[in-house]
N, C-alpha and C. Protein backbone atom coordinates (compact mmCIF):
# COMPACT_ATOMS: atom_id res chain seq x y z
N UNK A 1 -7.22 8.03 4.08
CA UNK A 1 -6.86 6.82 3.48
C UNK A 1 -5.98 5.99 4.49
N UNK A 2 -6.13 4.82 4.53
CA UNK A 2 -5.25 4.17 5.36
C UNK A 2 -4.16 3.43 4.67
N UNK A 3 -2.93 3.32 5.00
CA UNK A 3 -1.84 2.48 4.55
C UNK A 3 -1.35 1.56 5.36
N UNK A 4 -0.99 0.43 4.97
CA UNK A 4 -0.07 -0.24 6.04
C UNK A 4 1.39 -0.61 4.88
N UNK A 5 2.46 -0.18 5.35
CA UNK A 5 3.49 -0.09 4.58
C UNK A 5 4.58 -1.04 5.17
N UNK A 6 5.18 -1.89 4.26
CA UNK A 6 6.07 -3.01 4.67
C UNK A 6 7.26 -2.78 3.74
N UNK A 7 8.50 -2.47 4.23
CA UNK A 7 9.73 -2.68 3.68
C UNK A 7 10.02 -4.22 3.15
N UNK A 8 10.31 -4.48 1.99
CA UNK A 8 10.37 -5.95 1.64
C UNK A 8 11.60 -6.00 0.69
N UNK A 9 12.07 -7.35 0.87
CA UNK A 9 13.02 -7.90 -0.10
C UNK A 9 12.43 -8.19 -1.51
N UNK A 10 11.14 -8.69 -1.47
CA UNK A 10 10.60 -9.16 -2.43
C UNK A 10 8.96 -9.17 -2.14
N UNK A 11 8.22 -9.10 -3.03
CA UNK A 11 6.68 -9.27 -2.77
C UNK A 11 5.96 -9.62 -4.21
N UNK A 12 4.93 -10.17 -3.97
CA UNK A 12 4.12 -10.77 -5.08
C UNK A 12 2.70 -10.88 -4.96
N UNK A 13 1.88 -10.54 -5.79
CA UNK A 13 0.38 -10.93 -5.44
C UNK A 13 -0.22 -11.79 -6.64
N UNK A 14 -0.81 -12.90 -6.20
CA UNK A 14 -1.43 -13.87 -7.16
C UNK A 14 -2.87 -13.60 -6.87
N UNK A 15 -3.60 -13.97 -8.22
CA UNK A 15 -4.89 -14.27 -8.37
C UNK A 15 -5.12 -15.54 -9.06
N UNK A 16 -5.94 -16.39 -8.57
CA UNK A 16 -6.21 -17.72 -9.02
C UNK A 16 -4.96 -18.40 -9.56
N UNK A 17 -3.89 -18.32 -8.55
CA UNK A 17 -2.50 -18.99 -8.95
C UNK A 17 -1.63 -18.30 -9.85
N UNK A 18 -2.10 -17.14 -10.64
CA UNK A 18 -1.15 -16.38 -11.42
C UNK A 18 -0.73 -15.16 -10.89
N UNK A 19 0.59 -14.89 -11.04
CA UNK A 19 1.33 -13.83 -10.49
C UNK A 19 0.77 -12.41 -11.26
N UNK A 20 0.07 -11.54 -10.77
CA UNK A 20 -0.26 -10.25 -11.41
C UNK A 20 0.61 -9.04 -11.08
N UNK A 21 1.43 -9.13 -10.26
CA UNK A 21 2.18 -8.01 -9.59
C UNK A 21 3.25 -8.56 -8.91
N UNK A 22 4.60 -8.08 -8.94
CA UNK A 22 5.55 -8.50 -8.41
C UNK A 22 6.72 -7.57 -8.56
N UNK A 23 7.52 -7.33 -7.34
CA UNK A 23 8.55 -6.42 -7.04
C UNK A 23 9.88 -7.31 -6.36
N UNK A 24 10.92 -6.72 -6.61
CA UNK A 24 12.13 -7.11 -5.58
C UNK A 24 12.16 -6.19 -4.63
N UNK A 25 13.26 -5.61 -4.06
CA UNK A 25 13.44 -4.91 -3.09
C UNK A 25 12.56 -3.59 -3.04
N UNK A 26 11.91 -3.15 -2.08
CA UNK A 26 11.14 -2.15 -2.23
C UNK A 26 9.95 -1.89 -0.90
N UNK A 27 8.69 -1.49 -1.53
CA UNK A 27 7.58 -1.29 -0.49
C UNK A 27 6.35 -1.99 -0.90
N UNK A 28 5.78 -2.72 -0.01
CA UNK A 28 4.36 -3.33 -0.20
C UNK A 28 3.48 -2.32 0.52
N UNK A 29 2.46 -1.68 -0.31
CA UNK A 29 1.58 -0.94 0.43
C UNK A 29 0.14 -1.49 0.35
N UNK A 30 -0.46 -1.86 1.59
CA UNK A 30 -1.90 -2.29 1.58
C UNK A 30 -2.73 -1.06 1.71
N UNK A 31 -3.79 -0.70 1.01
CA UNK A 31 -4.21 0.53 0.82
C UNK A 31 -5.81 0.56 0.95
N UNK A 32 -6.43 1.29 1.73
CA UNK A 32 -7.83 1.26 2.08
C UNK A 32 -8.33 2.75 1.97
N UNK A 33 -9.49 2.83 1.23
CA UNK A 33 -10.07 4.20 1.20
C UNK A 33 -11.12 4.14 2.23
N UNK A 34 -11.48 5.33 2.74
CA UNK A 34 -12.58 5.67 3.59
C UNK A 34 -13.48 6.59 3.01
N UNK A 35 -14.91 6.52 3.56
CA UNK A 35 -15.87 7.24 2.87
C UNK A 35 -15.71 8.70 2.57
N UNK A 36 -14.88 9.44 3.51
CA UNK A 36 -14.68 10.81 3.58
C UNK A 36 -13.33 11.13 2.51
N UNK A 37 -12.69 10.18 2.01
CA UNK A 37 -11.51 10.29 1.20
C UNK A 37 -11.68 10.94 -0.26
N UNK A 38 -11.01 11.60 -0.63
CA UNK A 38 -11.04 12.00 -2.17
C UNK A 38 -9.54 12.09 -2.51
N UNK A 39 -9.43 12.63 -3.83
CA UNK A 39 -8.14 12.77 -4.58
C UNK A 39 -6.94 13.35 -3.71
N UNK A 40 -7.37 14.22 -2.92
CA UNK A 40 -6.23 14.96 -2.10
C UNK A 40 -5.72 14.03 -1.08
N UNK A 41 -6.33 13.19 -0.42
CA UNK A 41 -5.79 12.32 0.60
C UNK A 41 -4.92 11.06 -0.16
N UNK A 42 -5.34 10.80 -1.37
CA UNK A 42 -4.62 9.72 -2.16
C UNK A 42 -3.24 10.44 -2.53
N UNK A 43 -3.50 11.56 -3.04
CA UNK A 43 -2.04 12.46 -3.32
C UNK A 43 -1.17 12.52 -2.32
N UNK A 44 -1.82 13.15 -1.12
CA UNK A 44 -0.94 13.22 0.13
C UNK A 44 -0.30 11.94 0.78
N UNK A 45 -1.02 11.00 0.52
CA UNK A 45 -0.45 9.39 0.88
C UNK A 45 0.48 9.12 0.22
N UNK A 46 0.34 9.25 -0.85
CA UNK A 46 1.48 8.98 -1.97
C UNK A 46 2.77 9.74 -1.95
N UNK A 47 2.70 11.07 -1.69
CA UNK A 47 3.75 12.19 -1.50
C UNK A 47 4.53 11.43 -0.36
N UNK A 48 3.63 11.30 0.87
CA UNK A 48 4.34 10.77 1.97
C UNK A 48 5.13 9.46 1.96
N UNK A 49 4.52 8.61 1.19
CA UNK A 49 5.01 7.25 0.89
C UNK A 49 6.44 7.24 0.10
N UNK A 50 6.48 8.00 -0.79
CA UNK A 50 7.65 8.15 -1.73
C UNK A 50 8.64 8.84 -1.03
N UNK A 51 8.51 9.53 -0.08
CA UNK A 51 9.62 10.30 0.60
C UNK A 51 9.96 9.94 2.11
N UNK A 52 9.10 8.67 2.42
CA UNK A 52 9.35 8.07 3.95
C UNK A 52 10.65 7.52 3.55
N UNK A 53 11.51 7.86 4.59
CA UNK A 53 12.72 7.51 4.74
C UNK A 53 13.03 6.26 5.73
N UNK A 54 12.87 5.13 5.13
CA UNK A 54 12.88 3.80 5.86
C UNK A 54 13.87 2.79 5.29
N UNK A 55 14.86 3.14 4.48
CA UNK A 55 15.74 2.32 3.93
C UNK A 55 17.36 2.96 4.46
N UNK A 56 18.02 1.96 4.44
CA UNK A 56 19.47 2.20 5.17
C UNK A 56 20.32 2.95 4.31
N UNK A 57 21.02 3.83 4.97
CA UNK A 57 21.97 4.59 4.31
C UNK A 57 23.35 3.75 4.49
N UNK A 58 24.66 4.37 4.09
CA UNK A 58 25.93 3.53 4.36
C UNK A 58 26.03 3.28 5.81
N UNK A 59 25.75 4.23 6.61
CA UNK A 59 25.94 3.87 8.06
C UNK A 59 24.92 2.95 8.72
N UNK A 60 23.85 2.37 8.17
CA UNK A 60 22.99 1.65 8.39
C UNK A 60 21.57 2.31 9.00
N UNK A 61 21.60 3.52 8.97
CA UNK A 61 20.49 4.45 9.46
C UNK A 61 19.47 4.28 8.47
N UNK A 62 18.08 4.51 9.12
CA UNK A 62 16.99 4.67 8.15
C UNK A 62 17.00 6.15 7.52
N UNK A 63 17.45 6.29 6.47
CA UNK A 63 17.82 7.67 6.08
C UNK A 63 17.52 7.95 4.44
N UNK A 64 17.03 6.71 3.75
CA UNK A 64 16.75 6.82 2.43
C UNK A 64 15.52 6.31 2.11
N UNK A 65 14.82 7.20 0.94
CA UNK A 65 13.34 6.89 0.73
C UNK A 65 13.46 5.94 -0.53
N UNK A 66 12.15 5.59 -0.82
CA UNK A 66 11.96 4.65 -1.92
C UNK A 66 12.63 5.29 -3.33
N UNK A 67 12.20 6.72 -3.31
CA UNK A 67 12.78 7.16 -4.46
C UNK A 67 14.04 7.44 -4.58
N UNK A 68 14.95 7.26 -3.48
CA UNK A 68 16.39 7.52 -3.22
C UNK A 68 16.91 6.00 -3.73
N UNK A 69 16.17 4.88 -3.26
CA UNK A 69 16.89 3.90 -3.77
C UNK A 69 16.21 3.16 -4.93
N UNK A 70 15.35 3.75 -5.54
CA UNK A 70 14.58 3.30 -6.73
C UNK A 70 14.01 1.95 -6.68
N UNK A 71 13.40 1.68 -5.49
CA UNK A 71 12.96 0.17 -5.27
C UNK A 71 11.40 0.22 -5.66
N UNK A 72 11.23 -1.06 -5.82
CA UNK A 72 9.70 -1.31 -6.51
C UNK A 72 8.56 -0.85 -5.24
N UNK A 73 7.46 -0.78 -6.04
CA UNK A 73 6.09 -0.35 -5.02
C UNK A 73 5.23 -1.40 -5.65
N UNK A 74 4.77 -2.27 -4.51
CA UNK A 74 3.53 -3.04 -5.00
C UNK A 74 2.52 -2.62 -4.07
N UNK A 75 1.11 -2.34 -4.93
CA UNK A 75 0.03 -1.73 -4.10
C UNK A 75 -1.07 -2.60 -4.27
N UNK A 76 -1.71 -2.98 -3.04
CA UNK A 76 -2.56 -3.77 -2.94
C UNK A 76 -3.86 -3.38 -2.10
N UNK A 77 -4.91 -3.26 -2.86
CA UNK A 77 -6.26 -2.82 -2.01
C UNK A 77 -6.67 -3.87 -0.89
N UNK A 78 -6.92 -3.10 0.26
CA UNK A 78 -7.29 -4.07 1.42
C UNK A 78 -8.29 -3.20 2.23
N UNK A 79 -9.71 -3.33 2.03
CA UNK A 79 -10.70 -2.71 2.90
C UNK A 79 -10.67 -3.00 4.26
N UNK A 80 -10.21 -4.06 4.43
CA UNK A 80 -10.18 -4.74 5.93
C UNK A 80 -9.16 -3.71 6.81
N UNK A 81 -8.52 -3.05 6.32
CA UNK A 81 -7.74 -2.02 7.17
C UNK A 81 -8.66 -1.14 7.93
N UNK A 82 -9.87 -1.12 7.46
CA UNK A 82 -10.88 -0.12 8.05
C UNK A 82 -11.72 -1.08 9.18
N UNK A 83 -11.26 -2.26 9.52
CA UNK A 83 -12.12 -3.06 10.26
C UNK A 83 -12.25 -2.26 11.82
N UNK A 84 -13.57 -2.51 12.30
CA UNK A 84 -13.83 -2.06 13.66
C UNK A 84 -14.25 -3.32 14.47
N UNK A 85 -13.59 -3.46 15.35
CA UNK A 85 -13.68 -4.69 16.32
C UNK A 85 -14.24 -4.49 17.63
N UNK A 86 -14.72 -3.07 17.91
CA UNK A 86 -15.28 -2.73 19.07
C UNK A 86 -16.31 -3.32 19.57
N UNK A 87 -17.13 -3.80 18.55
CA UNK A 87 -18.46 -4.13 19.03
C UNK A 87 -18.80 -5.91 19.25
N UNK A 88 -17.67 -6.45 19.15
CA UNK A 88 -17.88 -7.88 19.16
C UNK A 88 -16.67 -8.55 18.60
N UNK A 89 -16.88 -9.81 18.15
CA UNK A 89 -15.76 -10.54 17.57
C UNK A 89 -15.72 -10.64 16.01
N UNK A 90 -16.97 -10.30 15.48
CA UNK A 90 -17.06 -10.22 14.12
C UNK A 90 -16.83 -8.84 13.59
N UNK A 91 -15.63 -8.64 12.77
CA UNK A 91 -15.46 -7.06 12.30
C UNK A 91 -16.55 -6.58 11.52
N UNK A 92 -16.56 -5.06 11.85
CA UNK A 92 -17.57 -4.47 10.93
C UNK A 92 -16.68 -3.59 9.79
N UNK A 93 -16.96 -3.63 8.59
CA UNK A 93 -16.31 -2.92 7.75
C UNK A 93 -16.90 -1.59 7.21
N UNK A 94 -17.85 -1.00 7.81
CA UNK A 94 -18.62 0.12 7.54
C UNK A 94 -17.71 1.29 7.44
N UNK A 95 -16.38 1.23 7.86
CA UNK A 95 -15.55 2.41 8.06
C UNK A 95 -14.89 2.71 6.71
N UNK A 96 -15.01 1.58 5.88
CA UNK A 96 -14.21 1.52 4.71
C UNK A 96 -15.09 2.25 3.49
N UNK A 97 -14.53 2.74 2.32
CA UNK A 97 -15.19 3.47 1.36
C UNK A 97 -16.19 2.44 0.68
N UNK A 98 -17.27 2.92 0.21
CA UNK A 98 -18.07 2.13 -0.74
C UNK A 98 -17.24 1.47 -2.01
N UNK A 99 -17.54 0.38 -2.26
CA UNK A 99 -16.70 -0.14 -3.40
C UNK A 99 -16.54 0.71 -4.54
N UNK A 100 -17.38 1.68 -5.08
CA UNK A 100 -17.26 2.27 -6.21
C UNK A 100 -16.19 3.28 -5.74
N UNK A 101 -16.29 4.05 -4.86
CA UNK A 101 -15.41 5.16 -4.19
C UNK A 101 -13.93 4.46 -4.01
N UNK A 102 -13.90 3.23 -3.44
CA UNK A 102 -12.71 2.60 -3.06
C UNK A 102 -11.68 2.34 -4.50
N UNK A 103 -12.55 1.81 -5.26
CA UNK A 103 -12.01 1.52 -6.73
C UNK A 103 -11.46 2.67 -7.26
N UNK A 104 -12.35 3.91 -7.47
CA UNK A 104 -11.90 5.09 -8.05
C UNK A 104 -10.71 5.49 -7.33
N UNK A 105 -10.55 5.44 -6.12
CA UNK A 105 -9.36 6.01 -5.30
C UNK A 105 -8.17 5.13 -5.44
N UNK A 106 -8.48 3.91 -5.66
CA UNK A 106 -7.15 2.92 -5.81
C UNK A 106 -6.60 3.06 -7.16
N UNK A 107 -7.47 3.27 -8.01
CA UNK A 107 -7.14 3.55 -9.62
C UNK A 107 -6.35 4.96 -9.52
N UNK A 108 -6.92 5.92 -9.04
CA UNK A 108 -6.41 7.20 -9.06
C UNK A 108 -4.85 7.19 -8.26
N UNK A 109 -4.90 6.64 -7.13
CA UNK A 109 -3.40 6.32 -6.71
C UNK A 109 -2.62 5.66 -7.45
N UNK A 110 -2.85 4.56 -8.15
CA UNK A 110 -2.04 3.89 -9.05
C UNK A 110 -1.62 4.75 -10.23
N UNK A 111 -2.34 5.51 -10.86
CA UNK A 111 -2.10 6.33 -11.89
C UNK A 111 -1.16 7.48 -11.46
N UNK A 112 -1.30 7.97 -10.21
CA UNK A 112 -0.30 9.07 -9.64
C UNK A 112 0.93 8.34 -9.17
N UNK A 113 0.96 6.98 -8.68
CA UNK A 113 2.19 6.51 -8.34
C UNK A 113 3.07 6.10 -9.58
N UNK A 114 2.34 5.69 -10.79
CA UNK A 114 3.03 5.47 -11.94
C UNK A 114 3.68 6.53 -12.45
N UNK A 115 3.07 7.83 -12.50
CA UNK A 115 3.50 8.93 -13.01
C UNK A 115 4.57 9.37 -12.25
N UNK A 116 4.68 9.13 -10.92
CA UNK A 116 5.83 9.73 -9.90
C UNK A 116 6.97 8.85 -9.57
N UNK A 117 6.87 7.47 -9.92
CA UNK A 117 7.77 6.59 -9.68
C UNK A 117 7.92 5.30 -10.68
N UNK A 118 8.87 4.91 -11.00
CA UNK A 118 9.12 3.61 -11.90
C UNK A 118 8.86 2.33 -11.09
N UNK A 119 8.36 1.50 -11.64
CA UNK A 119 8.40 0.02 -10.89
C UNK A 119 7.15 0.08 -10.07
N UNK A 120 6.18 0.59 -10.48
CA UNK A 120 4.89 0.12 -9.52
C UNK A 120 4.09 -0.85 -10.26
N UNK A 121 3.78 -1.91 -9.33
CA UNK A 121 3.01 -3.08 -9.52
C UNK A 121 1.61 -2.96 -8.79
N UNK A 122 0.84 -3.82 -9.02
CA UNK A 122 -0.49 -3.81 -8.20
C UNK A 122 -1.13 -5.26 -8.16
N UNK A 123 -2.01 -5.25 -7.36
CA UNK A 123 -3.07 -6.36 -7.41
C UNK A 123 -4.33 -5.95 -8.26
N UNK A 124 -5.34 -6.53 -7.72
CA UNK A 124 -6.53 -6.11 -8.66
C UNK A 124 -7.76 -5.90 -7.56
N UNK A 125 -8.35 -4.77 -7.62
CA UNK A 125 -9.41 -4.37 -6.60
C UNK A 125 -10.53 -5.36 -6.74
N UNK A 126 -10.87 -5.59 -5.34
CA UNK A 126 -11.92 -6.44 -5.21
C UNK A 126 -11.86 -7.93 -5.19
N UNK A 127 -10.43 -8.38 -5.86
CA UNK A 127 -10.04 -9.87 -6.15
C UNK A 127 -9.78 -10.48 -5.04
N UNK A 128 -9.98 -11.79 -4.90
CA UNK A 128 -9.58 -12.45 -3.79
C UNK A 128 -7.90 -12.92 -4.16
N UNK A 129 -7.01 -12.22 -3.62
CA UNK A 129 -5.76 -12.32 -3.62
C UNK A 129 -4.74 -12.78 -2.85
N UNK A 130 -3.79 -13.42 -2.99
CA UNK A 130 -2.85 -13.97 -2.25
C UNK A 130 -1.69 -13.28 -2.25
N UNK A 131 -1.13 -12.76 -1.29
CA UNK A 131 0.10 -11.58 -1.10
C UNK A 131 1.27 -12.30 -0.36
N UNK A 132 2.43 -12.60 -1.04
CA UNK A 132 3.35 -13.18 -0.56
C UNK A 132 4.58 -12.03 -0.25
N UNK A 133 5.26 -12.05 0.74
CA UNK A 133 6.32 -11.13 0.86
C UNK A 133 7.41 -11.71 1.88
N UNK A 134 8.79 -11.05 1.51
CA UNK A 134 9.73 -11.28 2.70
C UNK A 134 9.94 -9.87 3.09
N UNK A 135 9.48 -9.66 4.47
CA UNK A 135 9.61 -8.51 5.01
C UNK A 135 10.86 -8.19 5.38
N UNK A 136 11.52 -6.99 5.03
CA UNK A 136 13.02 -6.62 5.40
C UNK A 136 12.97 -5.85 6.67
N UNK A 137 13.96 -6.34 7.59
CA UNK A 137 13.99 -5.59 9.08
C UNK A 137 13.42 -6.46 10.09
N UNK A 138 12.12 -6.79 10.58
CA UNK A 138 11.13 -6.32 9.56
C UNK A 138 10.69 -4.80 9.92
N UNK A 139 10.22 -4.04 8.80
CA UNK A 139 9.71 -2.78 8.91
C UNK A 139 8.36 -2.71 8.55
N UNK A 140 7.48 -2.38 9.54
CA UNK A 140 6.08 -2.28 9.08
C UNK A 140 5.59 -0.99 9.63
N UNK A 141 5.01 -0.06 8.97
CA UNK A 141 4.42 1.44 9.40
C UNK A 141 2.99 1.62 8.84
N UNK A 142 2.17 1.85 9.88
CA UNK A 142 0.72 2.26 9.53
C UNK A 142 0.85 3.64 9.16
N UNK A 143 0.10 4.07 8.16
CA UNK A 143 -0.13 5.51 7.89
C UNK A 143 -1.65 5.89 7.69
N UNK A 144 -1.86 7.06 8.03
CA UNK A 144 -3.26 7.35 7.85
C UNK A 144 -3.35 8.95 7.58
N UNK A 145 -4.02 9.18 6.47
CA UNK A 145 -4.17 10.63 5.91
C UNK A 145 -5.62 10.98 6.05
N UNK A 146 -5.92 11.98 6.59
CA UNK A 146 -7.26 12.46 6.97
C UNK A 146 -7.64 13.75 5.70
C-alpha cells in the first residue's frame, strides 16, 4: 500500500460542494492500494501511521504520535499515487489495484482505523473529490508497505 501523510492544522473533503469529511489538527492520509496488497498491508500501514512520531513535544521535537495528541485522521482514496510516468508524459495507473480490490482495502483500512482511533473521517472511494488542507510545518511523508 502507498500512503502520503500530511500533518495538518485542518483538512476537509468535499463531493459536489458538500463536506463529507472534516478534521481539525491531525493527519490527512492519501491512500492507494496496489494489486499485491491484502489485509496485512492495510493493518501494517495503519499501525505505522498511528505511531508515527511527527507531532511536536514540549521541546518542539517531533516526538508525539497521532494517538498521543488524539488528533483527527482524514483518509482519502487516491489511486494516482501509483502513477508511472517512466514511459512518457501521460501517467499510467496500471500499478494501482483494480477498483474492486482497492475499495475493499480502503473500507477495511477505515474499519480498522475507526476501531483503533477516535475522530476518523473519510472521503468516498471513486468519487471526484476536492481536498482542502492547511499543511502544518509543512510535514509530508510518503509511506509504502509491501
